[in-house]
Structure formats: C-alpha cells, structure tokens
Amino acid sequence: MANATKTKNKKPNWFRRVGAKFKETFSELKRVTWPKFTTVLKTTGVVLVVVAAFLAVVTGVDALLGWLLEVITNI
C-alpha cells in the first residue's frame, strides 16, 4: 500500500515535464494576436528615433563634460 502512494505522488520525469511545458507554450502562442507588419515597422521606427535622440543627448553631455574637464585641468 505504501508503495502505491509513493508512485502516485512522484513527479513525472524531466522529459515529460519539459515536453508538457513546450506543448503549453505553443498552444498559448497560437492564441496570441500578432501585430501587422506595418505596425511593427512603425513601432520599430519610433524606438530607433528615441534611441537616436538619447544617443545625441548623452553624447552632447559627454562632450560638454569632457570640454569642462579639459578647461579645468588647464587652469
């Protein structure tokens, strides 16, 4: 009797658990509403513009601070 409860509470092996997880993941992905390609392009463009703007600001601040450091050290 103790042996039957031992096997009943035992977890499935690793391969079955991983396989079940993949099956669950793929079934969830089938239900996802994916954006249209034009939407993806627009949002990618917005992200690239924002990254370029931050790059310009950080580069400008870095150049300004480098110039200030050079001015201070040459005094």
N, C-alpha and C. Protein backbone atom coordinates (compact mmCIF):
# COMPACT_ATOMS: atom_id res chain seq x y z
N MET A 1 0.82 -1.19 0.00
CA MET A 1 0.00 0.00 0.00
C MET A 1 0.87 1.26 0.00
N ALA A 2 1.95 1.25 0.78
CA ALA A 2 2.82 2.41 0.86
C ALA A 2 3.51 2.66 -0.48
N ASN A 3 3.78 1.59 -1.21
CA ASN A 3 4.44 1.71 -2.50
C ASN A 3 3.51 2.38 -3.51
N ALA A 4 2.20 2.13 -3.45
CA ALA A 4 1.24 2.73 -4.38
C ALA A 4 1.15 4.24 -4.16
N THR A 5 1.15 4.69 -2.94
CA THR A 5 1.09 6.14 -2.68
C THR A 5 2.40 6.81 -3.04
N LYS A 6 3.48 6.07 -2.94
CA LYS A 6 4.79 6.62 -3.30
C LYS A 6 4.85 6.93 -4.79
N THR A 7 4.36 6.02 -5.62
CA THR A 7 4.38 6.26 -7.06
C THR A 7 3.31 7.26 -7.47
N LYS A 8 2.24 7.38 -6.70
CA LYS A 8 1.17 8.31 -7.04
C LYS A 8 1.65 9.76 -6.85
N ASN A 9 2.45 10.04 -5.84
CA ASN A 9 2.92 11.38 -5.56
C ASN A 9 4.22 11.73 -6.29
N LYS A 10 4.78 10.79 -7.01
CA LYS A 10 6.03 11.01 -7.71
C LYS A 10 5.81 11.92 -8.92
N LYS A 11 6.73 12.88 -9.14
CA LYS A 11 6.64 13.78 -10.28
C LYS A 11 6.97 13.01 -11.56
N PRO A 12 6.40 13.45 -12.69
CA PRO A 12 6.80 12.82 -13.97
C PRO A 12 8.27 13.14 -14.25
N ASN A 13 8.86 12.34 -15.13
CA ASN A 13 10.29 12.56 -15.38
C ASN A 13 10.52 13.90 -16.08
N TRP A 14 11.78 14.29 -16.16
CA TRP A 14 12.17 15.60 -16.66
C TRP A 14 11.71 15.81 -18.10
N PHE A 15 11.84 14.80 -18.95
CA PHE A 15 11.47 14.93 -20.35
C PHE A 15 9.98 15.18 -20.52
N ARG A 16 9.17 14.51 -19.75
CA ARG A 16 7.72 14.72 -19.83
C ARG A 16 7.34 16.12 -19.37
N ARG A 17 8.00 16.60 -18.31
CA ARG A 17 7.69 17.95 -17.82
C ARG A 17 8.11 19.01 -18.83
N VAL A 18 9.28 18.84 -19.43
CA VAL A 18 9.75 19.80 -20.43
C VAL A 18 8.85 19.74 -21.67
N GLY A 19 8.50 18.53 -22.08
CA GLY A 19 7.60 18.39 -23.23
C GLY A 19 6.25 19.03 -22.98
N ALA A 20 5.72 18.85 -21.78
CA ALA A 20 4.44 19.46 -21.44
C ALA A 20 4.55 20.98 -21.44
N LYS A 21 5.67 21.50 -20.97
CA LYS A 21 5.87 22.95 -20.95
C LYS A 21 5.93 23.50 -22.38
N PHE A 22 6.65 22.80 -23.28
CA PHE A 22 6.70 23.24 -24.67
C PHE A 22 5.32 23.19 -25.31
N LYS A 23 4.57 22.13 -25.06
CA LYS A 23 3.22 22.00 -25.61
C LYS A 23 2.33 23.13 -25.12
N GLU A 24 2.43 23.44 -23.84
CA GLU A 24 1.64 24.53 -23.26
C GLU A 24 2.04 25.88 -23.86
N THR A 25 3.34 26.08 -24.06
CA THR A 25 3.82 27.33 -24.63
C THR A 25 3.33 27.51 -26.05
N PHE A 26 3.42 26.47 -26.87
CA PHE A 26 2.98 26.58 -28.25
C PHE A 26 1.47 26.76 -28.36
N SER A 27 0.71 26.15 -27.46
CA SER A 27 -0.73 26.35 -27.50
C SER A 27 -1.08 27.79 -27.11
N GLU A 28 -0.32 28.39 -26.20
CA GLU A 28 -0.54 29.80 -25.85
C GLU A 28 -0.16 30.71 -27.01
N LEU A 29 0.92 30.39 -27.71
CA LEU A 29 1.36 31.22 -28.83
C LEU A 29 0.35 31.21 -29.97
N LYS A 30 -0.41 30.14 -30.12
CA LYS A 30 -1.43 30.08 -31.16
C LYS A 30 -2.57 31.06 -30.88
N ARG A 31 -2.79 31.38 -29.60
CA ARG A 31 -3.88 32.28 -29.23
C ARG A 31 -3.49 33.74 -29.23
N VAL A 32 -2.21 34.02 -29.44
CA VAL A 32 -1.74 35.41 -29.41
C VAL A 32 -2.19 36.12 -30.68
N THR A 33 -2.64 37.38 -30.53
CA THR A 33 -2.94 38.18 -31.72
C THR A 33 -1.68 38.97 -32.05
N TRP A 34 -1.06 38.60 -33.15
CA TRP A 34 0.20 39.21 -33.56
C TRP A 34 -0.09 40.52 -34.29
N PRO A 35 0.77 41.54 -34.12
CA PRO A 35 0.56 42.81 -34.83
C PRO A 35 0.87 42.65 -36.31
N LYS A 36 0.28 43.57 -37.08
CA LYS A 36 0.56 43.57 -38.52
C LYS A 36 1.98 44.07 -38.76
N PHE A 37 2.52 43.75 -39.94
CA PHE A 37 3.90 44.10 -40.25
C PHE A 37 4.10 45.61 -40.27
N THR A 38 3.11 46.36 -40.77
CA THR A 38 3.24 47.82 -40.80
C THR A 38 3.30 48.39 -39.38
N THR A 39 2.55 47.82 -38.47
CA THR A 39 2.60 48.27 -37.07
C THR A 39 3.98 48.00 -36.47
N VAL A 40 4.52 46.84 -36.78
CA VAL A 40 5.86 46.50 -36.27
C VAL A 40 6.89 47.48 -36.82
N LEU A 41 6.79 47.82 -38.11
CA LEU A 41 7.73 48.77 -38.70
C LEU A 41 7.61 50.14 -38.06
N LYS A 42 6.37 50.60 -37.83
CA LYS A 42 6.17 51.92 -37.22
C LYS A 42 6.74 51.97 -35.81
N THR A 43 6.43 50.98 -35.01
CA THR A 43 6.93 50.99 -33.63
C THR A 43 8.45 50.82 -33.58
N THR A 44 9.00 50.05 -34.50
CA THR A 44 10.46 49.92 -34.57
C THR A 44 11.09 51.26 -34.93
N GLY A 45 10.47 51.98 -35.86
CA GLY A 45 10.95 53.31 -36.23
C GLY A 45 10.92 54.26 -35.05
N VAL A 46 9.84 54.23 -34.28
CA VAL A 46 9.73 55.10 -33.11
C VAL A 46 10.82 54.76 -32.10
N VAL A 47 11.05 53.49 -31.88
CA VAL A 47 12.10 53.08 -30.93
C VAL A 47 13.47 53.55 -31.41
N LEU A 48 13.75 53.41 -32.69
CA LEU A 48 15.04 53.83 -33.22
C LEU A 48 15.23 55.34 -33.11
N VAL A 49 14.17 56.11 -33.34
CA VAL A 49 14.25 57.57 -33.22
C VAL A 49 14.51 57.97 -31.77
N VAL A 50 13.81 57.35 -30.83
CA VAL A 50 14.01 57.66 -29.42
C VAL A 50 15.43 57.29 -28.98
N VAL A 51 15.92 56.15 -29.42
CA VAL A 51 17.29 55.74 -29.07
C VAL A 51 18.30 56.71 -29.67
N ALA A 52 18.08 57.16 -30.91
CA ALA A 52 18.99 58.12 -31.54
C ALA A 52 18.97 59.45 -30.79
N ALA A 53 17.79 59.88 -30.32
CA ALA A 53 17.69 61.14 -29.57
C ALA A 53 18.46 61.03 -28.25
N PHE A 54 18.27 59.93 -27.53
CA PHE A 54 19.01 59.75 -26.28
C PHE A 54 20.51 59.65 -26.55
N LEU A 55 20.89 59.01 -27.65
CA LEU A 55 22.31 58.92 -28.00
C LEU A 55 22.88 60.30 -28.23
N ALA A 56 22.14 61.18 -28.92
CA ALA A 56 22.60 62.54 -29.17
C ALA A 56 22.74 63.32 -27.87
N VAL A 57 21.77 63.18 -26.97
CA VAL A 57 21.82 63.90 -25.70
C VAL A 57 22.99 63.41 -24.86
N VAL A 58 23.16 62.12 -24.73
CA VAL A 58 24.25 61.58 -23.91
C VAL A 58 25.60 61.94 -24.52
N THR A 59 25.72 61.90 -25.83
CA THR A 59 26.98 62.27 -26.49
C THR A 59 27.27 63.75 -26.27
N GLY A 60 26.24 64.59 -26.35
CA GLY A 60 26.43 66.02 -26.11
C GLY A 60 26.86 66.30 -24.68
N VAL A 61 26.23 65.67 -23.72
CA VAL A 61 26.60 65.85 -22.32
C VAL A 61 28.03 65.36 -22.08
N ASP A 62 28.38 64.24 -22.67
CA ASP A 62 29.72 63.70 -22.52
C ASP A 62 30.76 64.65 -23.11
N ALA A 63 30.47 65.21 -24.29
CA ALA A 63 31.40 66.15 -24.90
C ALA A 63 31.52 67.42 -24.07
N LEU A 64 30.42 67.91 -23.54
CA LEU A 64 30.44 69.10 -22.69
C LEU A 64 31.26 68.86 -21.43
N LEU A 65 31.03 67.74 -20.77
CA LEU A 65 31.77 67.44 -19.55
C LEU A 65 33.25 67.21 -19.85
N GLY A 66 33.56 66.60 -20.98
CA GLY A 66 34.97 66.43 -21.37
C GLY A 66 35.64 67.76 -21.62
N TRP A 67 34.93 68.68 -22.27
CA TRP A 67 35.46 70.01 -22.52
C TRP A 67 35.67 70.76 -21.20
N LEU A 68 34.68 70.67 -20.29
CA LEU A 68 34.82 71.32 -18.98
C LEU A 68 36.00 70.76 -18.21
N LEU A 69 36.20 69.45 -18.25
CA LEU A 69 37.33 68.84 -17.57
C LEU A 69 38.64 69.34 -18.14
N GLU A 70 38.70 69.47 -19.45
CA GLU A 70 39.92 69.96 -20.10
C GLU A 70 40.18 71.40 -19.71
N VAL A 71 39.13 72.22 -19.65
CA VAL A 71 39.28 73.62 -19.25
C VAL A 71 39.76 73.71 -17.80
N ILE A 72 39.19 72.91 -16.92
CA ILE A 72 39.55 72.96 -15.51
C ILE A 72 41.00 72.49 -15.30
N THR A 73 41.42 71.46 -16.00
CA THR A 73 42.78 70.93 -15.80
C THR A 73 43.84 71.84 -16.41
N ASN A 74 43.49 72.71 -17.35
CA ASN A 74 44.45 73.61 -17.98
C ASN A 74 44.59 74.94 -17.25
N ILE A 75 43.85 75.11 -16.17
CA ILE A 75 43.93 76.39 -15.43
C ILE A 75 45.21 76.48 -14.67
